[in-house]
Amino acid sequence: MSGIPVITLDGPGGVGKGTLSRLLARDLGWHLLDSGAIYRTLALAAQRAGLSADKAVALSELARTLPLSFRGGADETHVLLAGELVDAEIRSPEISALTSQIAAIPAVRAALLQRQRDFRQAPGLVADGRDMGTVVFPNAPLKVFLTARAEERGKRRLNQLMEQGISASLATVVAEIAERDARDQQRSVAPLRPAPDARLLDTSEQSVSDTYRVLQSWVQSALQEN
């Protein structure tokens, strides 16, 4: 498995990780890991089971047995919980908040670690998340950490919510982003931070196509070197 290449894209919400990861996996013909979808689906399962974020033991057991599956490819991936399509539900503000709380539990992260590593299959993997380069795939030949200004990230998130028919204000969304950033950066296990050898890419002022061109050039160089 160690010979199968992995490219990691880490960073907080609203920086474009999902879009860039899908484009890259599609163009390379590689597998795609949306690690956030795994944690979000766990949060939805916990909500349905009546488990709050302080039930660490029960949540870690739920993580080990989570009936999660993915359908489709890099262009359009669908998330299923016990065979039920849950794409929309796992993107709600309520589930987003619960996800961040659950993701801070060490036993939960340990329970999901191997499940994420199992996505590493030939011919290669593009891994999107918050600790892909620091914890899950620390030996990846290319690690990218994406950033963007909080207000710009808030605008992008607000547009996503509006597309889902969810009403919110920019100020509220920016505040929620700041709260999650703080929680993710301060958690004791796998905090949100760039790997020491990660390349930093600020997407605040760049279009998706411009950002993707930079990413493609880095990928090409990394694959040639390895």
Protein backbone atom coordinates (compact mmCIF):
# COMPACT_ATOMS: atom_id res chain seq x y z
CA MET A 1 0.00 0.00 0.00
CA SER A 2 2.87 2.39 0.70
CA GLY A 3 3.64 2.51 -3.02
CA ILE A 4 0.24 3.98 -3.87
CA PRO A 5 0.52 7.79 -4.17
CA VAL A 6 -1.59 10.09 -2.03
CA ILE A 7 -2.15 13.83 -2.35
CA THR A 8 -3.62 15.51 0.72
CA LEU A 9 -5.63 18.73 0.76
CA ASP A 10 -6.21 20.06 4.25
CA GLY A 11 -7.65 23.27 5.63
CA PRO A 12 -10.68 24.77 7.34
CA GLY A 13 -14.16 24.97 5.83
CA GLY A 14 -14.84 27.31 2.93
CA VAL A 15 -11.38 27.28 1.36
CA GLY A 16 -12.32 25.16 -1.64
CA LYS A 17 -10.96 21.77 -0.57
CA GLY A 18 -13.98 19.83 -1.80
CA THR A 19 -14.12 21.41 -5.24
CA LEU A 20 -10.38 21.16 -5.84
CA SER A 21 -10.20 17.59 -4.55
CA ARG A 22 -12.99 16.45 -6.86
CA LEU A 23 -11.40 18.14 -9.87
CA LEU A 24 -8.01 16.63 -9.12
CA ALA A 25 -9.32 13.10 -8.48
CA ARG A 26 -11.35 13.24 -11.69
CA ASP A 27 -8.47 14.46 -13.84
CA LEU A 28 -5.98 11.98 -12.38
CA GLY A 29 -8.44 9.10 -12.46
CA TRP A 30 -7.75 8.50 -8.76
CA HIS A 31 -9.96 7.65 -5.80
CA LEU A 32 -11.36 10.44 -3.61
CA LEU A 33 -11.62 10.54 0.18
CA ASP A 34 -13.96 13.18 1.61
CA SER A 35 -13.06 12.62 5.25
CA GLY A 36 -15.43 15.36 6.38
CA ALA A 37 -18.36 13.37 4.99
CA ILE A 38 -17.40 10.44 7.23
CA TYR A 39 -17.44 12.58 10.36
CA ARG A 40 -20.62 14.34 9.27
CA THR A 41 -22.38 11.03 8.71
CA LEU A 42 -21.27 9.88 12.13
CA ALA A 43 -22.75 13.08 13.60
CA LEU A 44 -26.05 12.42 11.84
CA ALA A 45 -26.10 8.84 13.10
CA ALA A 46 -25.36 10.10 16.62
CA GLN A 47 -28.16 12.64 16.42
CA ARG A 48 -30.60 9.98 15.31
CA ALA A 49 -29.45 7.71 18.15
CA GLY A 50 -29.89 10.49 20.69
CA LEU A 51 -26.17 10.64 21.50
CA SER A 52 -24.72 13.98 22.57
CA ALA A 53 -21.07 14.95 22.10
CA ASP A 54 -20.22 14.05 25.72
CA LYS A 55 -20.93 10.33 25.19
CA ALA A 56 -17.40 9.44 24.08
CA VAL A 57 -17.57 5.68 24.62
CA ALA A 58 -20.88 5.26 22.82
CA LEU A 59 -19.77 7.54 19.99
CA SER A 60 -16.52 5.64 19.46
CA GLU A 61 -18.46 2.37 19.29
CA LEU A 62 -20.87 3.95 16.80
CA ALA A 63 -17.87 5.08 14.74
CA ARG A 64 -16.50 1.52 14.60
CA THR A 65 -19.81 0.10 13.38
CA LEU A 66 -21.07 3.03 11.29
CA PRO A 67 -22.99 1.65 8.25
CA LEU A 68 -21.53 4.22 5.87
CA SER A 69 -21.02 3.82 2.14
CA PHE A 70 -20.29 6.02 -0.86
CA ARG A 71 -21.80 5.80 -4.32
CA GLY A 72 -20.56 7.35 -7.53
CA GLY A 73 -17.16 8.71 -8.54
CA ALA A 74 -15.15 11.88 -8.13
CA ASP A 75 -17.54 13.91 -10.30
CA GLU A 76 -20.54 13.15 -8.12
CA THR A 77 -20.16 11.25 -4.88
CA HIS A 78 -23.19 10.39 -2.79
CA VAL A 79 -23.14 9.47 0.91
CA LEU A 80 -25.35 6.73 2.29
CA LEU A 81 -26.12 5.85 5.91
CA ALA A 82 -27.48 2.32 6.21
CA GLY A 83 -28.38 2.54 2.52
CA GLU A 84 -30.20 5.89 2.87
CA LEU A 85 -29.00 8.87 0.83
CA VAL A 86 -28.01 11.61 3.32
CA ASP A 87 -26.14 14.14 1.17
CA ALA A 88 -28.34 17.08 2.18
CA GLU A 89 -28.81 16.16 5.84
CA ILE A 90 -25.10 15.95 6.66
CA ARG A 91 -24.53 19.49 5.32
CA SER A 92 -27.00 21.24 7.64
CA PRO A 93 -25.67 23.85 10.13
CA GLU A 94 -26.82 21.71 13.06
CA ILE A 95 -24.89 18.65 11.87
CA SER A 96 -21.87 20.81 11.04
CA ALA A 97 -21.72 22.04 14.62
CA LEU A 98 -22.15 18.55 16.09
CA THR A 99 -19.52 17.18 13.71
CA SER A 100 -16.89 19.56 15.04
CA GLN A 101 -17.65 18.55 18.63
CA ILE A 102 -17.56 14.82 17.89
CA ALA A 103 -14.39 15.13 15.81
CA ALA A 104 -12.54 16.44 18.87
CA ILE A 105 -13.01 13.12 20.73
CA PRO A 106 -9.75 11.09 20.60
CA ALA A 107 -11.50 7.69 20.71
CA VAL A 108 -13.68 8.65 17.75
CA ARG A 109 -10.70 9.73 15.68
CA ALA A 110 -8.89 6.52 16.55
CA ALA A 111 -11.93 4.46 15.54
CA LEU A 112 -12.09 6.14 12.12
CA LEU A 113 -8.36 6.26 11.34
CA GLN A 114 -8.00 2.90 9.60
CA ARG A 115 -11.30 3.39 7.79
CA GLN A 116 -9.84 6.48 6.15
CA ARG A 117 -6.53 4.81 5.35
CA ASP A 118 -8.39 2.00 3.61
CA PHE A 119 -9.34 4.46 0.86
CA ARG A 120 -5.71 4.32 -0.32
CA GLN A 121 -6.10 2.12 -3.37
CA ALA A 122 -4.45 2.00 -6.79
CA PRO A 123 -3.87 4.00 -8.88
CA GLY A 124 -3.87 6.76 -6.22
CA LEU A 125 -5.86 8.81 -3.74
CA VAL A 126 -6.78 12.45 -3.28
CA ALA A 127 -7.60 12.96 0.42
CA ASP A 128 -9.62 15.99 1.54
CA GLY A 129 -9.83 16.89 5.21
CA ARG A 130 -8.29 18.57 8.22
CA ASP A 131 -5.61 16.09 9.30
CA MET A 132 -4.90 14.16 6.12
CA GLY A 133 -1.29 15.32 5.85
CA THR A 134 -0.52 15.43 9.57
CA VAL A 135 -2.08 12.17 10.82
CA VAL A 136 -3.85 10.00 8.26
CA PHE A 137 -1.27 10.07 5.43
CA PRO A 138 1.87 11.67 6.90
CA ASN A 139 4.07 10.19 4.15
CA ALA A 140 2.08 11.61 1.23
CA PRO A 141 4.41 12.94 -1.50
CA LEU A 142 2.41 16.18 -1.75
CA LYS A 143 0.56 17.88 1.10
CA VAL A 144 -1.35 21.08 0.46
CA PHE A 145 -2.86 23.30 3.15
CA LEU A 146 -5.52 25.69 1.86
CA THR A 147 -6.44 28.97 3.52
CA ALA A 148 -8.71 31.95 2.84
CA ARG A 149 -9.90 35.02 4.70
CA ALA A 150 -12.74 34.37 7.15
CA GLU A 151 -15.14 36.75 5.42
CA GLU A 152 -14.53 35.17 2.03
CA ARG A 153 -15.07 31.72 3.51
CA GLY A 154 -18.26 32.99 5.11
CA LYS A 155 -19.58 34.23 1.78
CA ARG A 156 -18.90 30.87 0.16
CA ARG A 157 -20.60 29.00 2.98
CA LEU A 158 -23.58 31.35 2.88
CA ASN A 159 -24.00 30.70 -0.83
CA GLN A 160 -23.98 26.95 -0.16
CA LEU A 161 -26.68 27.34 2.49
CA MET A 162 -28.82 29.49 0.20
CA GLU A 163 -28.55 26.84 -2.52
CA GLN A 164 -29.91 24.36 0.02
CA GLY A 165 -32.78 26.71 0.88
CA ILE A 166 -31.35 27.49 4.33
CA SER A 167 -31.64 31.09 5.53
CA ALA A 168 -28.72 32.66 7.42
CA SER A 169 -26.84 35.94 7.81
CA LEU A 170 -23.23 36.48 6.82
CA ALA A 171 -22.36 37.61 10.36
CA THR A 172 -23.80 34.41 11.84
CA VAL A 173 -22.00 32.20 9.35
CA VAL A 174 -18.65 33.96 9.91
CA ALA A 175 -19.09 33.59 13.69
CA GLU A 176 -19.83 29.88 13.32
CA ILE A 177 -16.74 29.45 11.13
CA ALA A 178 -14.57 31.21 13.72
CA GLU A 179 -15.98 29.00 16.49
CA ARG A 180 -15.29 25.83 14.55
CA ASP A 181 -11.79 27.00 13.61
CA ALA A 182 -10.98 27.57 17.27
CA ARG A 183 -12.34 24.16 18.27
CA ASP A 184 -10.48 22.35 15.48
CA GLN A 185 -7.21 24.16 16.15
CA GLN A 186 -7.30 23.63 19.91
CA ARG A 187 -8.39 19.98 20.12
CA SER A 188 -5.91 17.69 21.81
CA VAL A 189 -5.76 15.11 19.00
CA ALA A 190 -5.07 15.91 15.33
CA PRO A 191 -5.52 19.69 15.60
CA LEU A 192 -6.11 21.65 12.41
CA ARG A 193 -2.70 22.84 11.25
CA PRO A 194 -0.41 22.49 8.22
CA ALA A 195 2.02 19.59 8.13
CA PRO A 196 5.62 20.83 8.44
CA ASP A 197 6.25 19.99 4.78
CA ALA A 198 2.88 21.18 3.45
CA ARG A 199 2.62 23.76 0.69
CA LEU A 200 0.34 26.67 1.60
CA LEU A 201 -2.21 27.97 -0.89
CA ASP A 202 -4.39 31.02 -0.16
CA THR A 203 -7.60 30.92 -2.21
CA SER A 204 -9.01 34.29 -1.06
CA GLU A 205 -8.32 36.24 -4.23
CA GLN A 206 -8.07 33.46 -6.81
CA SER A 207 -10.78 31.88 -8.92
CA VAL A 208 -11.25 28.12 -8.78
CA SER A 209 -9.60 27.75 -12.18
CA ASP A 210 -6.57 29.85 -11.19
CA THR A 211 -6.17 27.97 -7.92
CA TYR A 212 -6.52 24.65 -9.70
CA ARG A 213 -3.79 25.54 -12.19
CA VAL A 214 -1.38 26.18 -9.31
CA LEU A 215 -2.39 22.90 -7.68
CA GLN A 216 -1.93 20.98 -10.93
CA SER A 217 1.60 22.32 -11.35
CA TRP A 218 2.49 21.20 -7.82
CA VAL A 219 0.99 17.76 -8.42
CA GLN A 220 2.90 17.31 -11.67
CA SER A 221 6.20 18.21 -9.99
CA ALA A 222 5.52 15.94 -7.01
CA LEU A 223 4.64 12.95 -9.18
CA GLN A 224 7.71 13.43 -11.36
CA GLU A 225 9.94 13.53 -8.28
CA ASN A 226 8.40 10.36 -6.89
